[in-house]
Amino acid sequence: MLIEIAAVIAVPSALLYALGIVVFWLRIANEYDSISISTTWYAASLVPRSTAAASGIEVILRGVLYGTLLSSVVLFIEYMVN
């Protein structure tokens, strides 16, 4: 029972951290075009874990927010047409 609870906590945390690292890597790679890929990965790996996880959460929540807004606009337009 305790192992399942730990897995439920650990797996999303690891995925959010990985997503946050990728987000920071993309930000650094887009900002500095002349730096190599390995250097940008190294720079992204220096970001603290909590900051990377928070960035992953931000990306997911932003996607949910934009998806909700887009579907609301589509439903509103559909309602107005009919």
C-alpha atoms as a PDB file:
ATOM      1  CA  MET A   1       0.000   0.000   0.000  1.00  0.00           C
ATOM      2  CA  LEU A   2       2.749   2.431   0.937  1.00  0.00           C
ATOM      3  CA  ILE A   3       4.702   1.663  -2.246  1.00  0.00           C
ATOM      4  CA  GLU A   4       1.702   2.544  -4.408  1.00  0.00           C
ATOM      5  CA  ILE A   5       1.263   5.834  -2.587  1.00  0.00           C
ATOM      6  CA  ALA A   6       4.934   6.638  -3.060  1.00  0.00           C
ATOM      7  CA  ALA A   7       4.671   5.822  -6.766  1.00  0.00           C
ATOM      8  CA  VAL A   8       1.626   8.063  -7.152  1.00  0.00           C
ATOM      9  CA  ILE A   9       3.627  10.919  -5.659  1.00  0.00           C
ATOM     10  CA  ALA A  10       6.990  10.198  -7.305  1.00  0.00           C
ATOM     11  CA  VAL A  11       5.950   9.625 -10.916  1.00  0.00           C
ATOM     12  CA  PRO A  12       4.145  12.961 -11.473  1.00  0.00           C
ATOM     13  CA  SER A  13       6.936  14.783  -9.650  1.00  0.00           C
ATOM     14  CA  ALA A  14       9.579  13.255 -11.896  1.00  0.00           C
ATOM     15  CA  LEU A  15       7.554  14.023 -15.021  1.00  0.00           C
ATOM     16  CA  LEU A  16       7.014  17.641 -13.964  1.00  0.00           C
ATOM     17  CA  TYR A  17      10.733  18.022 -13.255  1.00  0.00           C
ATOM     18  CA  ALA A  18      11.640  16.559 -16.654  1.00  0.00           C
ATOM     19  CA  LEU A  19       9.136  18.823 -18.393  1.00  0.00           C
ATOM     20  CA  GLY A  20      10.531  21.827 -16.523  1.00  0.00           C
ATOM     21  CA  ILE A  21      14.098  20.987 -17.574  1.00  0.00           C
ATOM     22  CA  VAL A  22      12.989  20.725 -21.212  1.00  0.00           C
ATOM     23  CA  VAL A  23      11.197  24.072 -20.915  1.00  0.00           C
ATOM     24  CA  PHE A  24      14.308  25.754 -19.521  1.00  0.00           C
ATOM     25  CA  TRP A  25      16.448  24.124 -22.197  1.00  0.00           C
ATOM     26  CA  LEU A  26      14.148  25.488 -24.914  1.00  0.00           C
ATOM     27  CA  ARG A  27      14.171  28.964 -23.367  1.00  0.00           C
ATOM     28  CA  ILE A  28      17.957  29.032 -23.175  1.00  0.00           C
ATOM     29  CA  ALA A  29      18.380  27.563 -26.682  1.00  0.00           C
ATOM     30  CA  ASN A  30      16.003  30.148 -28.152  1.00  0.00           C
ATOM     31  CA  GLU A  31      17.648  33.038 -26.341  1.00  0.00           C
ATOM     32  CA  TYR A  32      21.257  32.183 -27.213  1.00  0.00           C
ATOM     33  CA  ASP A  33      21.520  30.827 -30.757  1.00  0.00           C
ATOM     34  CA  SER A  34      25.314  30.614 -30.831  1.00  0.00           C
ATOM     35  CA  ILE A  35      25.611  28.227 -27.856  1.00  0.00           C
ATOM     36  CA  SER A  36      25.882  24.474 -28.483  1.00  0.00           C
ATOM     37  CA  ILE A  37      23.165  22.023 -27.504  1.00  0.00           C
ATOM     38  CA  SER A  38      25.304  20.380 -24.823  1.00  0.00           C
ATOM     39  CA  THR A  39      26.017  23.746 -23.231  1.00  0.00           C
ATOM     40  CA  THR A  40      22.337  24.667 -23.132  1.00  0.00           C
ATOM     41  CA  TRP A  41      21.480  21.268 -21.601  1.00  0.00           C
ATOM     42  CA  TYR A  42      24.155  21.852 -18.968  1.00  0.00           C
ATOM     43  CA  ALA A  43      22.796  25.322 -18.230  1.00  0.00           C
ATOM     44  CA  ALA A  44      19.270  23.927 -17.923  1.00  0.00           C
ATOM     45  CA  SER A  45      20.486  21.216 -15.550  1.00  0.00           C
ATOM     46  CA  LEU A  46      21.747  23.902 -13.154  1.00  0.00           C
ATOM     47  CA  VAL A  47      18.188  25.101 -12.505  1.00  0.00           C
ATOM     48  CA  PRO A  48      17.011  24.046  -9.017  1.00  0.00           C
ATOM     49  CA  ARG A  49      14.593  21.114  -8.896  1.00  0.00           C
ATOM     50  CA  SER A  50      11.761  23.103  -7.370  1.00  0.00           C
ATOM     51  CA  THR A  51      12.079  25.801 -10.037  1.00  0.00           C
ATOM     52  CA  ALA A  52      12.077  23.231 -12.834  1.00  0.00           C
ATOM     53  CA  ALA A  53       9.043  21.450 -11.373  1.00  0.00           C
ATOM     54  CA  ALA A  54       7.206  24.763 -10.987  1.00  0.00           C
ATOM     55  CA  SER A  55       7.973  25.549 -14.617  1.00  0.00           C
ATOM     56  CA  GLY A  56       6.527  22.171 -15.614  1.00  0.00           C
ATOM     57  CA  ILE A  57       3.387  22.908 -13.630  1.00  0.00           C
ATOM     58  CA  GLU A  58       3.161  26.318 -15.269  1.00  0.00           C
ATOM     59  CA  VAL A  59       3.308  24.779 -18.749  1.00  0.00           C
ATOM     60  CA  ILE A  60       0.594  22.243 -17.939  1.00  0.00           C
ATOM     61  CA  LEU A  61      -1.700  24.811 -16.323  1.00  0.00           C
ATOM     62  CA  ARG A  62      -1.166  27.239 -19.168  1.00  0.00           C
ATOM     63  CA  GLY A  63      -2.124  24.517 -21.649  1.00  0.00           C
ATOM     64  CA  VAL A  64      -5.271  23.707 -19.677  1.00  0.00           C
ATOM     65  CA  LEU A  65      -6.179  27.395 -19.483  1.00  0.00           C
ATOM     66  CA  TYR A  66      -5.665  27.998 -23.205  1.00  0.00           C
ATOM     67  CA  GLY A  67      -7.550  24.825 -24.072  1.00  0.00           C
ATOM     68  CA  THR A  68     -10.459  25.880 -21.889  1.00  0.00           C
ATOM     69  CA  LEU A  69     -10.533  29.356 -23.399  1.00  0.00           C
ATOM     70  CA  LEU A  70     -10.347  28.018 -26.939  1.00  0.00           C
ATOM     71  CA  SER A  71     -13.130  25.501 -26.377  1.00  0.00           C
ATOM     72  CA  SER A  72     -15.259  28.202 -24.722  1.00  0.00           C
ATOM     73  CA  VAL A  73     -14.824  30.487 -27.732  1.00  0.00           C
ATOM     74  CA  VAL A  74     -15.666  27.656 -30.137  1.00  0.00           C
ATOM     75  CA  LEU A  75     -18.765  26.727 -28.153  1.00  0.00           C
ATOM     76  CA  PHE A  76     -19.841  30.369 -27.969  1.00  0.00           C
ATOM     77  CA  ILE A  77     -19.471  30.783 -31.723  1.00  0.00           C
ATOM     78  CA  GLU A  78     -21.349  27.539 -32.302  1.00  0.00           C
ATOM     79  CA  TYR A  79     -24.121  28.733 -29.997  1.00  0.00           C
ATOM     80  CA  MET A  80     -24.363  32.090 -31.768  1.00  0.00           C
ATOM     81  CA  VAL A  81     -24.511  30.503 -35.224  1.00  0.00           C
ATOM     82  CA  ASN A  82     -27.343  28.177 -34.298  1.00  0.00           C
END
